[in-house]
């Protein structure tokens, strides 16, 4: 699609809220405990395709977290530093990530009607209304 064109994706609200930000898209799992630097919002996990990529105020599209109970704490620290992700969109849910998003006010969606890894690219503009279950994608 041409730059500036847009389309909608529908899905299920996991944590309500709205976000408008650039997308970071990667079909992988992220370990927030030990694989993420909350002080700058960057993925630090070795050999992860997102290693060195900032999630700071981005809508993060990824499979799921790796399930550490430290996820909520890392997201809380990122929030305190002002470096938290704008929103999460996961194709698989990890209850600890859901809790992390819930307690830190990070909107979260899942169960999309399109494959986000095929439809969205890093840098596309995202407007997400999790409660309404709608994601508007505008191509960069």
N, C-alpha and C. Protein backbone atom coordinates (compact mmCIF):
# COMPACT_ATOMS: atom_id res chain seq x y z
N UNK A 1 0.84 -1.19 0.00
CA UNK A 1 0.00 0.00 0.00
C UNK A 1 0.88 1.25 0.00
N UNK A 2 0.36 2.31 -0.58
CA UNK A 2 1.15 3.54 -0.64
C UNK A 2 1.31 4.20 0.72
N UNK A 3 2.38 4.97 0.85
CA UNK A 3 2.61 5.74 2.06
C UNK A 3 1.39 6.60 2.38
N UNK A 4 0.99 6.59 3.63
CA UNK A 4 -0.14 7.39 4.07
C UNK A 4 -1.48 6.68 4.01
N UNK A 5 -1.54 5.56 3.30
CA UNK A 5 -2.81 4.82 3.28
C UNK A 5 -2.95 4.04 4.57
N UNK A 6 -4.17 3.69 4.93
CA UNK A 6 -4.40 3.03 6.21
C UNK A 6 -5.46 1.94 6.10
N UNK A 7 -5.50 1.11 7.12
CA UNK A 7 -6.50 0.05 7.22
C UNK A 7 -6.72 -0.25 8.70
N UNK A 8 -7.78 -0.98 8.99
CA UNK A 8 -8.12 -1.33 10.37
C UNK A 8 -7.89 -2.81 10.61
N UNK A 9 -7.45 -3.11 11.83
CA UNK A 9 -7.36 -4.48 12.33
C UNK A 9 -8.22 -4.52 13.59
N UNK A 10 -8.97 -5.59 13.75
CA UNK A 10 -9.81 -5.75 14.94
C UNK A 10 -9.25 -6.89 15.79
N UNK A 11 -9.44 -6.77 17.09
CA UNK A 11 -8.95 -7.78 18.00
C UNK A 11 -9.64 -7.68 19.35
N UNK A 12 -9.08 -8.41 20.28
CA UNK A 12 -9.66 -8.49 21.63
C UNK A 12 -8.89 -7.60 22.59
N UNK A 13 -9.63 -6.85 23.37
CA UNK A 13 -9.04 -6.01 24.41
C UNK A 13 -8.59 -6.90 25.57
N UNK A 14 -7.35 -6.74 25.96
CA UNK A 14 -6.83 -7.42 27.15
C UNK A 14 -6.70 -6.42 28.29
N UNK A 15 -6.11 -5.27 27.99
CA UNK A 15 -6.00 -4.17 28.95
C UNK A 15 -6.50 -2.92 28.23
N UNK A 16 -7.55 -2.27 28.73
CA UNK A 16 -8.10 -1.10 28.03
C UNK A 16 -7.14 0.07 28.02
N UNK A 17 -7.35 0.92 27.04
CA UNK A 17 -6.55 2.13 26.91
C UNK A 17 -6.35 2.46 25.45
N UNK A 18 -5.76 3.63 25.23
CA UNK A 18 -5.51 4.10 23.87
C UNK A 18 -4.03 4.43 23.73
N UNK A 19 -3.53 4.29 22.50
CA UNK A 19 -2.14 4.64 22.21
C UNK A 19 -2.05 5.09 20.76
N UNK A 20 -1.17 6.03 20.51
CA UNK A 20 -0.85 6.47 19.16
C UNK A 20 0.66 6.62 19.10
N UNK A 21 1.29 5.77 18.30
CA UNK A 21 2.75 5.75 18.25
C UNK A 21 3.22 4.91 17.07
N UNK A 22 4.52 4.95 16.83
CA UNK A 22 5.12 4.08 15.82
C UNK A 22 5.08 2.64 16.28
N UNK A 23 5.02 1.74 15.31
CA UNK A 23 5.05 0.31 15.59
C UNK A 23 6.49 -0.21 15.63
N UNK A 24 6.72 -1.17 16.52
CA UNK A 24 7.91 -2.02 16.49
C UNK A 24 7.36 -3.43 16.33
N UNK A 25 7.74 -4.12 15.26
CA UNK A 25 7.14 -5.39 14.90
C UNK A 25 8.20 -6.47 14.79
N UNK A 26 8.01 -7.58 15.51
CA UNK A 26 8.95 -8.69 15.43
C UNK A 26 8.28 -9.97 15.91
N UNK A 27 8.25 -11.02 15.08
CA UNK A 27 7.59 -12.27 15.46
C UNK A 27 8.45 -13.12 16.39
N UNK A 28 8.67 -12.61 17.59
CA UNK A 28 9.52 -13.30 18.56
C UNK A 28 8.95 -13.10 19.96
N UNK A 29 9.62 -13.69 20.93
CA UNK A 29 9.29 -13.48 22.34
C UNK A 29 10.37 -12.57 22.94
N UNK A 30 9.98 -11.85 23.98
CA UNK A 30 10.91 -10.94 24.64
C UNK A 30 10.98 -11.30 26.12
N UNK A 31 12.21 -11.36 26.63
CA UNK A 31 12.41 -11.53 28.06
C UNK A 31 12.64 -10.14 28.66
N UNK A 32 11.68 -9.66 29.42
CA UNK A 32 11.86 -8.35 30.04
C UNK A 32 12.79 -8.43 31.24
N UNK A 33 12.80 -9.55 31.94
CA UNK A 33 13.69 -9.71 33.08
C UNK A 33 15.04 -10.19 32.56
N UNK A 34 16.00 -9.29 32.51
CA UNK A 34 17.34 -9.63 32.05
C UNK A 34 17.56 -9.42 30.57
N UNK A 35 16.50 -9.09 29.81
CA UNK A 35 16.64 -8.88 28.38
C UNK A 35 16.12 -7.53 27.92
N UNK A 36 15.95 -6.62 28.88
CA UNK A 36 15.36 -5.32 28.59
C UNK A 36 15.93 -4.30 29.57
N UNK A 37 16.34 -3.17 29.06
CA UNK A 37 16.88 -2.11 29.93
C UNK A 37 15.79 -1.06 30.15
N UNK A 38 15.15 -1.07 31.32
CA UNK A 38 14.05 -0.13 31.56
C UNK A 38 14.49 1.33 31.62
N UNK A 39 15.76 1.57 31.86
CA UNK A 39 16.23 2.96 31.95
C UNK A 39 16.21 3.66 30.59
N UNK A 40 16.36 2.89 29.52
CA UNK A 40 16.29 3.51 28.19
C UNK A 40 15.26 2.85 27.27
N UNK A 41 14.55 1.83 27.77
CA UNK A 41 13.49 1.20 27.01
C UNK A 41 13.94 0.28 25.90
N UNK A 42 15.19 -0.20 25.97
CA UNK A 42 15.78 -0.97 24.88
C UNK A 42 15.85 -2.45 25.19
N UNK A 43 15.57 -3.27 24.18
CA UNK A 43 15.73 -4.72 24.30
C UNK A 43 17.23 -5.02 24.28
N UNK A 44 17.69 -5.76 25.28
CA UNK A 44 19.12 -6.07 25.42
C UNK A 44 19.41 -7.56 25.28
N UNK A 45 18.38 -8.36 25.12
CA UNK A 45 18.53 -9.82 25.07
C UNK A 45 19.40 -10.23 23.88
N UNK A 46 20.49 -10.92 24.15
CA UNK A 46 21.42 -11.36 23.11
C UNK A 46 20.71 -12.27 22.12
N UNK A 47 21.01 -12.07 20.84
CA UNK A 47 20.49 -12.85 19.72
C UNK A 47 19.00 -12.69 19.48
N UNK A 48 18.36 -11.78 20.18
CA UNK A 48 16.96 -11.48 19.89
C UNK A 48 16.95 -10.53 18.70
N UNK A 49 16.08 -10.73 17.72
CA UNK A 49 16.04 -9.82 16.57
C UNK A 49 15.81 -8.36 16.96
N UNK A 50 15.26 -8.12 18.14
CA UNK A 50 15.02 -6.76 18.61
C UNK A 50 16.17 -6.22 19.47
N UNK A 51 17.25 -6.98 19.60
CA UNK A 51 18.38 -6.51 20.42
C UNK A 51 18.82 -5.14 19.94
N UNK A 52 18.86 -4.19 20.87
CA UNK A 52 19.26 -2.82 20.57
C UNK A 52 18.13 -1.91 20.11
N UNK A 53 16.93 -2.46 19.97
CA UNK A 53 15.77 -1.68 19.51
C UNK A 53 15.03 -1.11 20.71
N UNK A 54 14.65 0.14 20.62
CA UNK A 54 13.92 0.79 21.70
C UNK A 54 12.42 0.54 21.56
N UNK A 55 11.78 0.22 22.67
CA UNK A 55 10.32 0.10 22.75
C UNK A 55 9.73 1.35 23.40
N UNK A 56 10.56 2.31 23.70
CA UNK A 56 10.18 3.55 24.37
C UNK A 56 9.08 4.27 23.59
N UNK A 57 7.89 4.32 24.18
CA UNK A 57 6.72 4.97 23.58
C UNK A 57 6.41 4.46 22.18
N UNK A 58 6.56 3.15 21.97
CA UNK A 58 6.21 2.49 20.72
C UNK A 58 5.11 1.47 21.00
N UNK A 59 4.33 1.16 19.98
CA UNK A 59 3.38 0.06 20.07
C UNK A 59 4.14 -1.19 19.66
N UNK A 60 4.35 -2.09 20.60
CA UNK A 60 5.17 -3.28 20.40
C UNK A 60 4.31 -4.46 19.98
N UNK A 61 4.53 -4.93 18.75
CA UNK A 61 3.86 -6.12 18.22
C UNK A 61 4.85 -7.26 18.29
N UNK A 62 4.62 -8.24 19.17
CA UNK A 62 5.50 -9.40 19.28
C UNK A 62 4.68 -10.58 19.76
N UNK A 63 5.26 -11.78 19.68
CA UNK A 63 4.51 -12.98 20.02
C UNK A 63 4.06 -12.93 21.47
N UNK A 64 4.99 -12.81 22.39
CA UNK A 64 4.68 -12.83 23.82
C UNK A 64 5.94 -12.56 24.60
N UNK A 65 5.79 -12.46 25.90
CA UNK A 65 6.97 -12.40 26.77
C UNK A 65 7.41 -13.83 27.05
N UNK A 66 8.57 -13.94 27.67
CA UNK A 66 9.09 -15.27 28.01
C UNK A 66 8.65 -15.72 29.39
N UNK A 67 7.79 -14.95 30.02
CA UNK A 67 7.13 -15.42 31.23
C UNK A 67 7.89 -15.30 32.53
N UNK A 68 8.55 -14.20 32.74
CA UNK A 68 9.21 -13.99 34.02
C UNK A 68 8.33 -13.15 34.91
N UNK A 69 8.35 -13.46 36.19
CA UNK A 69 7.59 -12.64 37.13
C UNK A 69 8.19 -11.25 37.25
N UNK A 70 9.38 -11.04 36.70
CA UNK A 70 10.01 -9.73 36.71
C UNK A 70 9.49 -8.79 35.63
N UNK A 71 8.64 -9.29 34.73
CA UNK A 71 8.12 -8.46 33.64
C UNK A 71 7.41 -7.22 34.18
N UNK A 72 6.51 -7.39 35.14
CA UNK A 72 5.77 -6.25 35.69
C UNK A 72 6.71 -5.24 36.33
N UNK A 73 7.72 -5.73 37.03
CA UNK A 73 8.68 -4.83 37.66
C UNK A 73 9.47 -4.05 36.62
N UNK A 74 9.93 -4.73 35.57
CA UNK A 74 10.68 -4.04 34.52
C UNK A 74 9.83 -2.98 33.84
N UNK A 75 8.56 -3.31 33.57
CA UNK A 75 7.67 -2.33 32.96
C UNK A 75 7.41 -1.15 33.90
N UNK A 76 7.34 -1.44 35.21
CA UNK A 76 7.15 -0.38 36.19
C UNK A 76 8.38 0.53 36.23
N UNK A 77 9.56 -0.06 36.18
CA UNK A 77 10.78 0.76 36.17
C UNK A 77 10.84 1.62 34.91
N UNK A 78 10.49 1.03 33.77
CA UNK A 78 10.48 1.80 32.51
C UNK A 78 9.51 2.97 32.62
N UNK A 79 8.36 2.74 33.24
CA UNK A 79 7.38 3.81 33.44
C UNK A 79 7.97 4.91 34.32
N UNK A 80 8.66 4.53 35.38
CA UNK A 80 9.27 5.52 36.28
C UNK A 80 10.33 6.36 35.57
N UNK A 81 11.05 5.71 34.63
CA UNK A 81 12.06 6.42 33.83
C UNK A 81 11.42 7.20 32.67
N UNK A 82 10.11 7.01 32.45
CA UNK A 82 9.45 7.65 31.32
C UNK A 82 9.76 6.98 30.00
N UNK A 83 10.10 5.69 30.03
CA UNK A 83 10.55 4.96 28.83
C UNK A 83 9.69 3.73 28.52
N UNK A 84 8.46 3.69 29.03
CA UNK A 84 7.61 2.52 28.86
C UNK A 84 7.08 2.41 27.42
N UNK A 85 6.77 1.20 26.99
CA UNK A 85 6.09 1.05 25.70
C UNK A 85 4.72 1.73 25.74
N UNK A 86 4.26 2.19 24.59
CA UNK A 86 2.94 2.83 24.51
C UNK A 86 1.84 1.78 24.62
N UNK A 87 2.08 0.60 24.06
CA UNK A 87 1.08 -0.47 24.07
C UNK A 87 1.74 -1.78 23.65
N UNK A 88 1.09 -2.88 24.00
CA UNK A 88 1.51 -4.22 23.57
C UNK A 88 0.42 -4.83 22.71
N UNK A 89 0.83 -5.52 21.67
CA UNK A 89 -0.06 -6.38 20.90
C UNK A 89 0.66 -7.72 20.78
N UNK A 90 0.08 -8.74 21.42
CA UNK A 90 0.69 -10.07 21.43
C UNK A 90 -0.20 -11.07 20.72
N UNK A 91 0.43 -11.99 19.99
CA UNK A 91 -0.34 -13.05 19.33
C UNK A 91 -0.58 -14.22 20.27
N UNK A 92 0.21 -14.32 21.32
CA UNK A 92 0.00 -15.31 22.38
C UNK A 92 0.07 -14.56 23.71
N UNK A 93 -0.74 -14.97 24.65
CA UNK A 93 -0.77 -14.25 25.93
C UNK A 93 0.01 -14.98 27.01
N UNK A 94 0.76 -14.20 27.75
CA UNK A 94 1.43 -14.68 28.95
C UNK A 94 0.80 -13.90 30.10
N UNK A 95 0.29 -14.62 31.09
CA UNK A 95 -0.43 -13.95 32.18
C UNK A 95 0.43 -12.93 32.91
N UNK A 96 1.73 -13.16 32.98
CA UNK A 96 2.59 -12.21 33.67
C UNK A 96 2.75 -10.91 32.89
N UNK A 97 2.73 -10.99 31.56
CA UNK A 97 2.75 -9.77 30.75
C UNK A 97 1.43 -9.02 30.89
N UNK A 98 0.32 -9.77 30.94
CA UNK A 98 -0.98 -9.13 31.13
C UNK A 98 -1.00 -8.37 32.44
N UNK A 99 -0.52 -8.99 33.50
CA UNK A 99 -0.45 -8.32 34.80
C UNK A 99 0.45 -7.09 34.71
N UNK A 100 1.61 -7.23 34.06
CA UNK A 100 2.53 -6.11 33.91
C UNK A 100 1.89 -4.93 33.20
N UNK A 101 1.14 -5.21 32.13
CA UNK A 101 0.44 -4.14 31.41
C UNK A 101 -0.67 -3.56 32.26
N UNK A 102 -1.41 -4.41 32.93
CA UNK A 102 -2.54 -3.96 33.74
C UNK A 102 -2.10 -3.01 34.85
N UNK A 103 -1.10 -3.41 35.63
CA UNK A 103 -0.69 -2.58 36.77
C UNK A 103 0.07 -1.32 36.35
N UNK A 104 0.58 -1.30 35.10
CA UNK A 104 1.33 -0.14 34.63
C UNK A 104 0.57 0.71 33.62
N UNK A 105 -0.71 0.36 33.39
CA UNK A 105 -1.54 1.16 32.51
C UNK A 105 -1.11 1.13 31.06
N UNK A 106 -0.59 0.01 30.61
CA UNK A 106 -0.16 -0.14 29.22
C UNK A 106 -1.25 -0.89 28.46
N UNK A 107 -1.92 -0.26 27.50
CA UNK A 107 -2.97 -0.95 26.75
C UNK A 107 -2.42 -2.20 26.08
N UNK A 108 -3.28 -3.22 25.99
CA UNK A 108 -2.83 -4.50 25.41
C UNK A 108 -3.97 -5.13 24.63
N UNK A 109 -3.63 -5.67 23.46
CA UNK A 109 -4.60 -6.40 22.64
C UNK A 109 -4.01 -7.73 22.18
N UNK A 110 -4.92 -8.63 21.78
CA UNK A 110 -4.53 -9.93 21.23
C UNK A 110 -5.65 -10.41 20.31
N UNK A 111 -5.49 -11.62 19.79
CA UNK A 111 -6.52 -12.27 18.95
C UNK A 111 -6.96 -11.37 17.79
N UNK A 112 -6.00 -10.89 17.02
CA UNK A 112 -6.30 -10.01 15.90
C UNK A 112 -6.91 -10.77 14.73
N UNK A 113 -7.67 -10.06 13.89
CA UNK A 113 -8.29 -10.69 12.73
C UNK A 113 -7.35 -10.74 11.51
N UNK A 114 -6.12 -10.24 11.68
CA UNK A 114 -5.08 -10.32 10.65
C UNK A 114 -3.76 -10.63 11.33
N UNK A 115 -2.86 -11.24 10.58
CA UNK A 115 -1.52 -11.51 11.09
C UNK A 115 -0.74 -10.20 11.14
N UNK A 116 -0.45 -9.69 12.34
CA UNK A 116 0.24 -8.39 12.41
C UNK A 116 1.64 -8.43 11.82
N UNK A 117 2.28 -9.60 11.82
CA UNK A 117 3.64 -9.70 11.33
C UNK A 117 3.70 -9.63 9.80
N UNK A 118 2.58 -9.93 9.15
CA UNK A 118 2.49 -9.82 7.70
C UNK A 118 1.92 -8.47 7.27
N UNK A 119 1.10 -7.87 8.11
CA UNK A 119 0.37 -6.66 7.73
C UNK A 119 1.05 -5.36 8.14
N UNK A 120 1.88 -5.39 9.18
CA UNK A 120 2.44 -4.16 9.77
C UNK A 120 3.95 -4.23 9.74
N UNK A 121 4.58 -3.10 9.50
CA UNK A 121 6.03 -3.00 9.50
C UNK A 121 6.48 -2.02 10.57
N UNK A 122 7.66 -2.23 11.10
CA UNK A 122 8.24 -1.29 12.05
C UNK A 122 8.26 0.10 11.42
N UNK A 123 7.80 1.07 12.18
CA UNK A 123 7.75 2.45 11.71
C UNK A 123 6.39 2.90 11.23
N UNK A 124 5.48 1.93 10.92
CA UNK A 124 4.12 2.32 10.56
C UNK A 124 3.49 3.03 11.76
N UNK A 125 2.56 3.93 11.49
CA UNK A 125 1.89 4.68 12.56
C UNK A 125 0.67 3.90 13.02
N UNK A 126 0.56 3.74 14.34
CA UNK A 126 -0.52 2.96 14.95
C UNK A 126 -1.38 3.87 15.81
N UNK A 127 -2.70 3.74 15.65
CA UNK A 127 -3.66 4.36 16.56
C UNK A 127 -4.51 3.21 17.10
N UNK A 128 -4.36 2.96 18.38
CA UNK A 128 -4.99 1.79 19.00
C UNK A 128 -5.99 2.22 20.05
N UNK A 129 -7.19 1.66 19.96
CA UNK A 129 -8.21 1.83 20.99
C UNK A 129 -8.53 0.41 21.46
N UNK A 130 -7.84 -0.01 22.50
CA UNK A 130 -7.95 -1.41 22.95
C UNK A 130 -9.37 -1.74 23.39
N UNK A 131 -10.02 -0.84 24.10
CA UNK A 131 -11.36 -1.12 24.60
C UNK A 131 -12.34 -1.35 23.45
N UNK A 132 -12.18 -0.58 22.37
CA UNK A 132 -13.03 -0.77 21.18
C UNK A 132 -12.56 -1.94 20.33
N UNK A 133 -11.35 -2.45 20.62
CA UNK A 133 -10.82 -3.58 19.85
C UNK A 133 -10.39 -3.21 18.44
N UNK A 134 -9.90 -1.98 18.26
CA UNK A 134 -9.55 -1.49 16.92
C UNK A 134 -8.14 -0.93 16.89
N UNK A 135 -7.41 -1.30 15.83
CA UNK A 135 -6.08 -0.76 15.57
C UNK A 135 -6.11 -0.17 14.17
N UNK A 136 -5.81 1.12 14.06
CA UNK A 136 -5.67 1.75 12.74
C UNK A 136 -4.19 1.80 12.39
N UNK A 137 -3.85 1.25 11.24
CA UNK A 137 -2.46 1.20 10.78
C UNK A 137 -2.33 2.15 9.59
N UNK A 138 -1.39 3.09 9.69
CA UNK A 138 -1.10 3.99 8.57
C UNK A 138 0.34 3.71 8.13
N UNK A 139 0.49 3.38 6.85
CA UNK A 139 1.81 3.05 6.32
C UNK A 139 2.72 4.26 6.31
N UNK A 140 3.98 4.03 6.67
CA UNK A 140 4.93 5.14 6.66
C UNK A 140 5.40 5.40 5.25
